[in-house]
Amino acid sequence: MADEDGVEEMNGKTEELALDNEPYDEDENEYEALDQELDQLNSCLDKLESWNDSLHSRMKDLLESMQMSRDQTKGQTNQSEKEKV
């Protein structure tokens, strides 16, 4: 049971209870927790976006390299066929 100051002893831990004349800040704590979770999610999304941009750039470079290689191979094949004729 709480004393006159709103302090209650439970399981060896002292907890302060919200009194009727004091604002209850549970909502504020929930908002802070949600804000921290949103910050963490935002950070994760930023990392994913950065990783995605990097991957996109690397894939574009790879495709360009493969296209150049294919064009060179195709050019060599055409040249070899002309020499045979």
PDB file of N, CA and C in Angstrom:
ATOM      1  N   MET A   1       0.844  -1.171   0.000  1.00  0.00           N
ATOM      2  CA  MET A   1       0.000   0.000   0.000  1.00  0.00           C
ATOM      3  C   MET A   1       0.890   1.235   0.000  1.00  0.00           C
ATOM      4  N   ALA A   2       0.450   2.293  -0.651  1.00  0.00           N
ATOM      5  CA  ALA A   2       1.231   3.516  -0.793  1.00  0.00           C
ATOM      6  C   ALA A   2       1.146   4.349   0.472  1.00  0.00           C
ATOM      7  N   ASP A   3       2.260   5.054   0.742  1.00  0.00           N
ATOM      8  CA  ASP A   3       2.240   5.975   1.869  1.00  0.00           C
ATOM      9  C   ASP A   3       1.702   7.324   1.399  1.00  0.00           C
ATOM     10  N   GLU A   4       1.763   8.341   2.272  1.00  0.00           N
ATOM     11  CA  GLU A   4       1.181   9.640   1.920  1.00  0.00           C
ATOM     12  C   GLU A   4       1.920  10.345   0.787  1.00  0.00           C
ATOM     13  N   ASP A   5       3.146   9.949   0.465  1.00  0.00           N
ATOM     14  CA  ASP A   5       3.908  10.561  -0.625  1.00  0.00           C
ATOM     15  C   ASP A   5       3.687   9.841  -1.962  1.00  0.00           C
ATOM     16  N   GLY A   6       2.883   8.789  -1.962  1.00  0.00           N
ATOM     17  CA  GLY A   6       2.632   8.046  -3.183  1.00  0.00           C
ATOM     18  C   GLY A   6       3.717   7.046  -3.502  1.00  0.00           C
ATOM     19  N   VAL A   7       4.474   6.598  -2.523  1.00  0.00           N
ATOM     20  CA  VAL A   7       5.545   5.631  -2.730  1.00  0.00           C
ATOM     21  C   VAL A   7       5.084   4.286  -2.204  1.00  0.00           C
ATOM     22  N   GLU A   8       5.258   3.254  -3.011  1.00  0.00           N
ATOM     23  CA  GLU A   8       4.815   1.925  -2.629  1.00  0.00           C
ATOM     24  C   GLU A   8       5.990   0.964  -2.699  1.00  0.00           C
ATOM     25  N   GLU A   9       6.092   0.092  -1.726  1.00  0.00           N
ATOM     26  CA  GLU A   9       7.147  -0.912  -1.673  1.00  0.00           C
ATOM     27  C   GLU A   9       6.566  -2.212  -2.233  1.00  0.00           C
ATOM     28  N   MET A  10       7.150  -2.707  -3.342  1.00  0.00           N
ATOM     29  CA  MET A  10       6.679  -3.955  -3.950  1.00  0.00           C
ATOM     30  C   MET A  10       7.898  -4.792  -4.299  1.00  0.00           C
ATOM     31  N   ASN A  11       7.933  -6.022  -3.843  1.00  0.00           N
ATOM     32  CA  ASN A  11       9.008  -6.963  -4.145  1.00  0.00           C
ATOM     33  C   ASN A  11      10.385  -6.363  -3.893  1.00  0.00           C
ATOM     34  N   GLY A  12      10.530  -5.592  -2.864  1.00  0.00           N
ATOM     35  CA  GLY A  12      11.816  -5.012  -2.522  1.00  0.00           C
ATOM     36  C   GLY A  12      12.180  -3.800  -3.366  1.00  0.00           C
ATOM     37  N   LYS A  13      11.310  -3.387  -4.276  1.00  0.00           N
ATOM     38  CA  LYS A  13      11.567  -2.229  -5.121  1.00  0.00           C
ATOM     39  C   LYS A  13      10.589  -1.129  -4.757  1.00  0.00           C
ATOM     40  N   THR A  14      11.086   0.073  -4.756  1.00  0.00           N
ATOM     41  CA  THR A  14      10.231   1.209  -4.461  1.00  0.00           C
ATOM     42  C   THR A  14       9.702   1.783  -5.771  1.00  0.00           C
ATOM     43  N   GLU A  15       8.406   1.910  -5.859  1.00  0.00           N
ATOM     44  CA  GLU A  15       7.791   2.470  -7.047  1.00  0.00           C
ATOM     45  C   GLU A  15       6.934   3.658  -6.641  1.00  0.00           C
ATOM     46  N   GLU A  16       6.981   4.686  -7.451  1.00  0.00           N
ATOM     47  CA  GLU A  16       6.177   5.868  -7.172  1.00  0.00           C
ATOM     48  C   GLU A  16       4.865   5.743  -7.928  1.00  0.00           C
ATOM     49  N   LEU A  17       3.781   5.955  -7.234  1.00  0.00           N
ATOM     50  CA  LEU A  17       2.465   5.854  -7.851  1.00  0.00           C
ATOM     51  C   LEU A  17       2.000   7.225  -8.311  1.00  0.00           C
ATOM     52  N   ALA A  18       1.176   7.219  -9.329  1.00  0.00           N
ATOM     53  CA  ALA A  18       0.597   8.474  -9.799  1.00  0.00           C
ATOM     54  C   ALA A  18      -0.528   8.855  -8.852  1.00  0.00           C
ATOM     55  N   LEU A  19      -0.465  10.058  -8.355  1.00  0.00           N
ATOM     56  CA  LEU A  19      -1.516  10.550  -7.473  1.00  0.00           C
ATOM     57  C   LEU A  19      -2.557  11.281  -8.307  1.00  0.00           C
ATOM     58  N   ASP A  20      -3.763  11.384  -7.764  1.00  0.00           N
ATOM     59  CA  ASP A  20      -4.854  12.028  -8.493  1.00  0.00           C
ATOM     60  C   ASP A  20      -4.538  13.466  -8.864  1.00  0.00           C
ATOM     61  N   ASN A  21      -3.789  14.174  -8.030  1.00  0.00           N
ATOM     62  CA  ASN A  21      -3.521  15.575  -8.301  1.00  0.00           C
ATOM     63  C   ASN A  21      -2.278  15.798  -9.161  1.00  0.00           C
ATOM     64  N   GLU A  22      -1.562  14.735  -9.570  1.00  0.00           N
ATOM     65  CA  GLU A  22      -0.384  14.854 -10.426  1.00  0.00           C
ATOM     66  C   GLU A  22      -0.686  14.233 -11.784  1.00  0.00           C
ATOM     67  N   PRO A  23      -0.169  14.831 -12.867  1.00  0.00           N
ATOM     68  CA  PRO A  23      -0.427  14.254 -14.191  1.00  0.00           C
ATOM     69  C   PRO A  23       0.256  12.902 -14.345  1.00  0.00           C
ATOM     70  N   TYR A  24      -0.409  12.007 -14.950  1.00  0.00           N
ATOM     71  CA  TYR A  24       0.114  10.662 -15.153  1.00  0.00           C
ATOM     72  C   TYR A  24       0.874  10.643 -16.469  1.00  0.00           C
ATOM     73  N   ASP A  25       2.144  10.263 -16.459  1.00  0.00           N
ATOM     74  CA  ASP A  25       2.987  10.393 -17.638  1.00  0.00           C
ATOM     75  C   ASP A  25       3.199   9.077 -18.386  1.00  0.00           C
ATOM     76  N   GLU A  26       2.301   8.151 -18.231  1.00  0.00           N
ATOM     77  CA  GLU A  26       2.425   6.893 -18.968  1.00  0.00           C
ATOM     78  C   GLU A  26       2.355   7.140 -20.469  1.00  0.00           C
ATOM     79  N   ASP A  27       1.453   8.027 -20.896  1.00  0.00           N
ATOM     80  CA  ASP A  27       1.345   8.343 -22.318  1.00  0.00           C
ATOM     81  C   ASP A  27       2.645   8.946 -22.830  1.00  0.00           C
ATOM     82  N   GLU A  28       3.258   9.805 -22.039  1.00  0.00           N
ATOM     83  CA  GLU A  28       4.515  10.424 -22.448  1.00  0.00           C
ATOM     84  C   GLU A  28       5.607   9.366 -22.618  1.00  0.00           C
ATOM     85  N   ASN A  29       5.647   8.419 -21.707  1.00  0.00           N
ATOM     86  CA  ASN A  29       6.627   7.330 -21.811  1.00  0.00           C
ATOM     87  C   ASN A  29       6.383   6.492 -23.061  1.00  0.00           C
ATOM     88  N   GLU A  30       5.111   6.239 -23.359  1.00  0.00           N
ATOM     89  CA  GLU A  30       4.778   5.473 -24.554  1.00  0.00           C
ATOM     90  C   GLU A  30       5.193   6.233 -25.810  1.00  0.00           C
ATOM     91  N   TYR A  31       4.960   7.549 -25.824  1.00  0.00           N
ATOM     92  CA  TYR A  31       5.349   8.362 -26.970  1.00  0.00           C
ATOM     93  C   TYR A  31       6.870   8.364 -27.142  1.00  0.00           C
ATOM     94  N   GLU A  32       7.594   8.437 -26.055  1.00  0.00           N
ATOM     95  CA  GLU A  32       9.059   8.398 -26.131  1.00  0.00           C
ATOM     96  C   GLU A  32       9.539   7.055 -26.663  1.00  0.00           C
ATOM     97  N   ALA A  33       8.922   5.988 -26.210  1.00  0.00           N
ATOM     98  CA  ALA A  33       9.293   4.650 -26.682  1.00  0.00           C
ATOM     99  C   ALA A  33       8.986   4.512 -28.173  1.00  0.00           C
ATOM    100  N   LEU A  34       7.825   4.991 -28.587  1.00  0.00           N
ATOM    101  CA  LEU A  34       7.477   4.946 -30.005  1.00  0.00           C
ATOM    102  C   LEU A  34       8.426   5.799 -30.833  1.00  0.00           C
ATOM    103  N   ASP A  35       8.791   6.957 -30.302  1.00  0.00           N
ATOM    104  CA  ASP A  35       9.726   7.845 -31.001  1.00  0.00           C
ATOM    105  C   ASP A  35      11.073   7.155 -31.194  1.00  0.00           C
ATOM    106  N   GLN A  36      11.546   6.458 -30.173  1.00  0.00           N
ATOM    107  CA  GLN A  36      12.816   5.734 -30.279  1.00  0.00           C
ATOM    108  C   GLN A  36      12.712   4.607 -31.304  1.00  0.00           C
ATOM    109  N   GLU A  37      11.583   3.897 -31.306  1.00  0.00           N
ATOM    110  CA  GLU A  37      11.395   2.828 -32.279  1.00  0.00           C
ATOM    111  C   GLU A  37      11.357   3.387 -33.693  1.00  0.00           C
ATOM    112  N   LEU A  38      10.680   4.514 -33.875  1.00  0.00           N
ATOM    113  CA  LEU A  38      10.626   5.145 -35.201  1.00  0.00           C
ATOM    114  C   LEU A  38      12.009   5.605 -35.641  1.00  0.00           C
ATOM    115  N   ASP A  39      12.806   6.123 -34.716  1.00  0.00           N
ATOM    116  CA  ASP A  39      14.179   6.517 -35.044  1.00  0.00           C
ATOM    117  C   ASP A  39      14.998   5.308 -35.493  1.00  0.00           C
ATOM    118  N   GLN A  40      14.820   4.184 -34.796  1.00  0.00           N
ATOM    119  CA  GLN A  40      15.542   2.967 -35.169  1.00  0.00           C
ATOM    120  C   GLN A  40      15.096   2.467 -36.539  1.00  0.00           C
ATOM    121  N   LEU A  41      13.796   2.491 -36.781  1.00  0.00           N
ATOM    122  CA  LEU A  41      13.283   2.075 -38.081  1.00  0.00           C
ATOM    123  C   LEU A  41      13.802   2.988 -39.183  1.00  0.00           C
ATOM    124  N   ASN A  42      13.814   4.284 -38.919  1.00  0.00           N
ATOM    125  CA  ASN A  42      14.307   5.249 -39.895  1.00  0.00           C
ATOM    126  C   ASN A  42      15.781   4.990 -40.210  1.00  0.00           C
ATOM    127  N   SER A  43      16.558   4.698 -39.182  1.00  0.00           N
ATOM    128  CA  SER A  43      17.969   4.389 -39.368  1.00  0.00           C
ATOM    129  C   SER A  43      18.143   3.134 -40.221  1.00  0.00           C
ATOM    130  N   CYS A  44      17.351   2.111 -39.934  1.00  0.00           N
ATOM    131  CA  CYS A  44      17.412   0.874 -40.719  1.00  0.00           C
ATOM    132  C   CYS A  44      17.015   1.131 -42.168  1.00  0.00           C
ATOM    133  N   LEU A  45      15.976   1.919 -42.375  1.00  0.00           N
ATOM    134  CA  LEU A  45      15.548   2.229 -43.736  1.00  0.00           C
ATOM    135  C   LEU A  45      16.604   3.023 -44.484  1.00  0.00           C
ATOM    136  N   ASP A  46      17.284   3.930 -43.795  1.00  0.00           N
ATOM    137  CA  ASP A  46      18.373   4.688 -44.424  1.00  0.00           C
ATOM    138  C   ASP A  46      19.495   3.748 -44.874  1.00  0.00           C
ATOM    139  N   LYS A  47      19.831   2.779 -44.014  1.00  0.00           N
ATOM    140  CA  LYS A  47      20.875   1.815 -44.363  1.00  0.00           C
ATOM    141  C   LYS A  47      20.447   0.961 -45.547  1.00  0.00           C
ATOM    142  N   LEU A  48      19.190   0.523 -45.542  1.00  0.00           N
ATOM    143  CA  LEU A  48      18.687  -0.277 -46.659  1.00  0.00           C
ATOM    144  C   LEU A  48      18.682   0.525 -47.962  1.00  0.00           C
ATOM    145  N   GLU A  49      18.291   1.779 -47.880  1.00  0.00           N
ATOM    146  CA  GLU A  49      18.276   2.634 -49.062  1.00  0.00           C
ATOM    147  C   GLU A  49      19.691   2.817 -49.609  1.00  0.00           C
ATOM    148  N   SER A  50      20.636   3.045 -48.722  1.00  0.00           N
ATOM    149  CA  SER A  50      22.023   3.199 -49.133  1.00  0.00           C
ATOM    150  C   SER A  50      22.543   1.908 -49.765  1.00  0.00           C
ATOM    151  N   TRP A  51      22.239   0.781 -49.147  1.00  0.00           N
ATOM    152  CA  TRP A  51      22.662  -0.516 -49.676  1.00  0.00           C
ATOM    153  C   TRP A  51      22.027  -0.752 -51.042  1.00  0.00           C
ATOM    154  N   ASN A  52      20.750  -0.412 -51.174  1.00  0.00           N
ATOM    155  CA  ASN A  52      20.040  -0.588 -52.438  1.00  0.00           C
ATOM    156  C   ASN A  52      20.662   0.288 -53.531  1.00  0.00           C
ATOM    157  N   ASP A  53      20.977   1.524 -53.215  1.00  0.00           N
ATOM    158  CA  ASP A  53      21.611   2.421 -54.185  1.00  0.00           C
ATOM    159  C   ASP A  53      22.966   1.876 -54.628  1.00  0.00           C
ATOM    160  N   SER A  54      23.735   1.384 -53.674  1.00  0.00           N
ATOM    161  CA  SER A  54      25.038   0.814 -53.984  1.00  0.00           C
ATOM    162  C   SER A  54      24.887  -0.419 -54.878  1.00  0.00           C
ATOM    163  N   LEU A  55      23.953  -1.273 -54.527  1.00  0.00           N
ATOM    164  CA  LEU A  55      23.709  -2.487 -55.308  1.00  0.00           C
ATOM    165  C   LEU A  55      23.262  -2.130 -56.723  1.00  0.00           C
ATOM    166  N   HIS A  56      22.379  -1.157 -56.829  1.00  0.00           N
ATOM    167  CA  HIS A  56      21.895  -0.721 -58.142  1.00  0.00           C
ATOM    168  C   HIS A  56      23.060  -0.224 -58.999  1.00  0.00           C
ATOM    169  N   SER A  57      23.922   0.562 -58.422  1.00  0.00           N
ATOM    170  CA  SER A  57      25.078   1.097 -59.138  1.00  0.00           C
ATOM    171  C   SER A  57      26.009  -0.028 -59.594  1.00  0.00           C
ATOM    172  N   ARG A  58      26.261  -0.973 -58.702  1.00  0.00           N
ATOM    173  CA  ARG A  58      27.144  -2.087 -59.034  1.00  0.00           C
ATOM    174  C   ARG A  58      26.542  -2.962 -60.133  1.00  0.00           C
ATOM    175  N   MET A  59      25.232  -3.193 -60.059  1.00  0.00           N
ATOM    176  CA  MET A  59      24.575  -3.997 -61.090  1.00  0.00           C
ATOM    177  C   MET A  59      24.596  -3.281 -62.439  1.00  0.00           C
ATOM    178  N   LYS A  60      24.411  -1.981 -62.432  1.00  0.00           N
ATOM    179  CA  LYS A  60      24.468  -1.206 -63.670  1.00  0.00           C
ATOM    180  C   LYS A  60      25.858  -1.312 -64.293  1.00  0.00           C
ATOM    181  N   ASP A  61      26.892  -1.169 -63.464  1.00  0.00           N
ATOM    182  CA  ASP A  61      28.265  -1.304 -63.954  1.00  0.00           C
ATOM    183  C   ASP A  61      28.513  -2.704 -64.521  1.00  0.00           C
ATOM    184  N   LEU A  62      28.022  -3.725 -63.838  1.00  0.00           N
ATOM    185  CA  LEU A  62      28.182  -5.101 -64.296  1.00  0.00           C
ATOM    186  C   LEU A  62      27.482  -5.314 -65.634  1.00  0.00           C
ATOM    187  N   LEU A  63      26.263  -4.811 -65.769  1.00  0.00           N
ATOM    188  CA  LEU A  63      25.538  -4.961 -67.025  1.00  0.00           C
ATOM    189  C   LEU A  63      26.250  -4.254 -68.179  1.00  0.00           C
ATOM    190  N   GLU A  64      26.769  -3.063 -67.906  1.00  0.00           N
ATOM    191  CA  GLU A  64      27.515  -2.336 -68.946  1.00  0.00           C
ATOM    192  C   GLU A  64      28.768  -3.111 -69.344  1.00  0.00           C
ATOM    193  N   SER A  65      29.456  -3.674 -68.369  1.00  0.00           N
ATOM    194  CA  SER A  65      30.649  -4.468 -68.636  1.00  0.00           C
ATOM    195  C   SER A  65      30.305  -5.700 -69.462  1.00  0.00           C
ATOM    196  N   MET A  66      29.221  -6.371 -69.117  1.00  0.00           N
ATOM    197  CA  MET A  66      28.794  -7.559 -69.858  1.00  0.00           C
ATOM    198  C   MET A  66      28.397  -7.192 -71.289  1.00  0.00           C
ATOM    199  N   GLN A  67      27.744  -6.059 -71.451  1.00  0.00           N
ATOM    200  CA  GLN A  67      27.346  -5.627 -72.786  1.00  0.00           C
ATOM    201  C   GLN A  67      28.580  -5.323 -73.639  1.00  0.00           C
ATOM    202  N   MET A  68      29.564  -4.644 -73.056  1.00  0.00           N
ATOM    203  CA  MET A  68      30.792  -4.354 -73.793  1.00  0.00           C
ATOM    204  C   MET A  68      31.498  -5.652 -74.181  1.00  0.00           C
ATOM    205  N   SER A  69      31.555  -6.598 -73.264  1.00  0.00           N
ATOM    206  CA  SER A  69      32.187  -7.887 -73.529  1.00  0.00           C
ATOM    207  C   SER A  69      31.451  -8.618 -74.646  1.00  0.00           C
ATOM    208  N   ARG A  70      30.127  -8.603 -74.581  1.00  0.00           N
ATOM    209  CA  ARG A  70      29.323  -9.256 -75.614  1.00  0.00           C
ATOM    210  C   ARG A  70      29.551  -8.601 -76.977  1.00  0.00           C
ATOM    211  N   ASP A  71      29.584  -7.260 -76.993  1.00  0.00           N
ATOM    212  CA  ASP A  71      29.813  -6.537 -78.249  1.00  0.00           C
ATOM    213  C   ASP A  71      31.189  -6.858 -78.823  1.00  0.00           C
ATOM    214  N   GLN A  72      32.203  -6.955 -77.953  1.00  0.00           N
ATOM    215  CA  GLN A  72      33.548  -7.301 -78.422  1.00  0.00           C
ATOM    216  C   GLN A  72      33.575  -8.714 -78.991  1.00  0.00           C
ATOM    217  N   THR A  73      32.934  -9.644 -78.306  1.00  0.00           N
ATOM    218  CA  THR A  73      32.879 -11.031 -78.763  1.00  0.00           C
ATOM    219  C   THR A  73      32.140 -11.115 -80.095  1.00  0.00           C
ATOM    220  N   LYS A  74      31.035 -10.384 -80.194  1.00  0.00           N
ATOM    221  CA  LYS A  74      30.256 -10.373 -81.421  1.00  0.00           C
ATOM    222  C   LYS A  74      31.087  -9.790 -82.573  1.00  0.00           C
ATOM    223  N   GLY A  75      31.832  -8.708 -82.297  1.00  0.00           N
ATOM    224  CA  GLY A  75      32.693  -8.101 -83.309  1.00  0.00           C
ATOM    225  C   GLY A  75      33.786  -9.048 -83.756  1.00  0.00           C
ATOM    226  N   GLN A  76      34.375  -9.782 -82.832  1.00  0.00           N
ATOM    227  CA  GLN A  76      35.430 -10.745 -83.180  1.00  0.00           C
ATOM    228  C   GLN A  76      34.860 -11.888 -84.004  1.00  0.00           C
ATOM    229  N   THR A  77      33.653 -12.311 -83.672  1.00  0.00           N
ATOM    230  CA  THR A  77      32.992 -13.403 -84.409  1.00  0.00           C
ATOM    231  C   THR A  77      32.705 -12.952 -85.836  1.00  0.00           C
ATOM    232  N   ASN A  78      32.191 -11.738 -85.997  1.00  0.00           N
ATOM    233  CA  ASN A  78      31.907 -11.211 -87.322  1.00  0.00           C
ATOM    234  C   ASN A  78      33.183 -11.073 -88.150  1.00  0.00           C
ATOM    235  N   GLN A  79      34.258 -10.626 -87.530  1.00  0.00           N
ATOM    236  CA  GLN A  79      35.539 -10.466 -88.229  1.00  0.00           C
ATOM    237  C   GLN A  79      36.075 -11.831 -88.665  1.00  0.00           C
ATOM    238  N   SER A  80      35.940 -12.840 -87.810  1.00  0.00           N
ATOM    239  CA  SER A  80      36.405 -14.188 -88.143  1.00  0.00           C
ATOM    240  C   SER A  80      35.612 -14.761 -89.317  1.00  0.00           C
ATOM    241  N   GLU A  81      34.317 -14.500 -89.353  1.00  0.00           N
ATOM    242  CA  GLU A  81      33.481 -14.996 -90.435  1.00  0.00           C
ATOM    243  C   GLU A  81      33.846 -14.319 -91.759  1.00  0.00           C
ATOM    244  N   LYS A  82      34.168 -13.036 -91.717  1.00  0.00           N
ATOM    245  CA  LYS A  82      34.557 -12.309 -92.935  1.00  0.00           C
ATOM    246  C   LYS A  82      35.886 -12.837 -93.471  1.00  0.00           C
ATOM    247  N   GLU A  83      36.794 -13.200 -92.581  1.00  0.00           N
ATOM    248  CA  GLU A  83      38.102 -13.717 -92.993  1.00  0.00           C
ATOM    249  C   GLU A  83      37.971 -15.092 -93.649  1.00  0.00           C
ATOM    250  N   LYS A  84      36.992 -15.870 -93.229  1.00  0.00           N
ATOM    251  CA  LYS A  84      36.773 -17.213 -93.779  1.00  0.00           C
ATOM    252  C   LYS A  84      36.217 -17.127 -95.193  1.00  0.00           C
ATOM    253  N   VAL A  85      35.500 -16.088 -95.496  1.00  0.00           N
ATOM    254  CA  VAL A  85      34.843 -15.972 -96.800  1.00  0.00           C
ATOM    255  C   VAL A  85      35.783 -15.502 -97.822  1.00  0.00           C
TER     256      VAL A  85
END
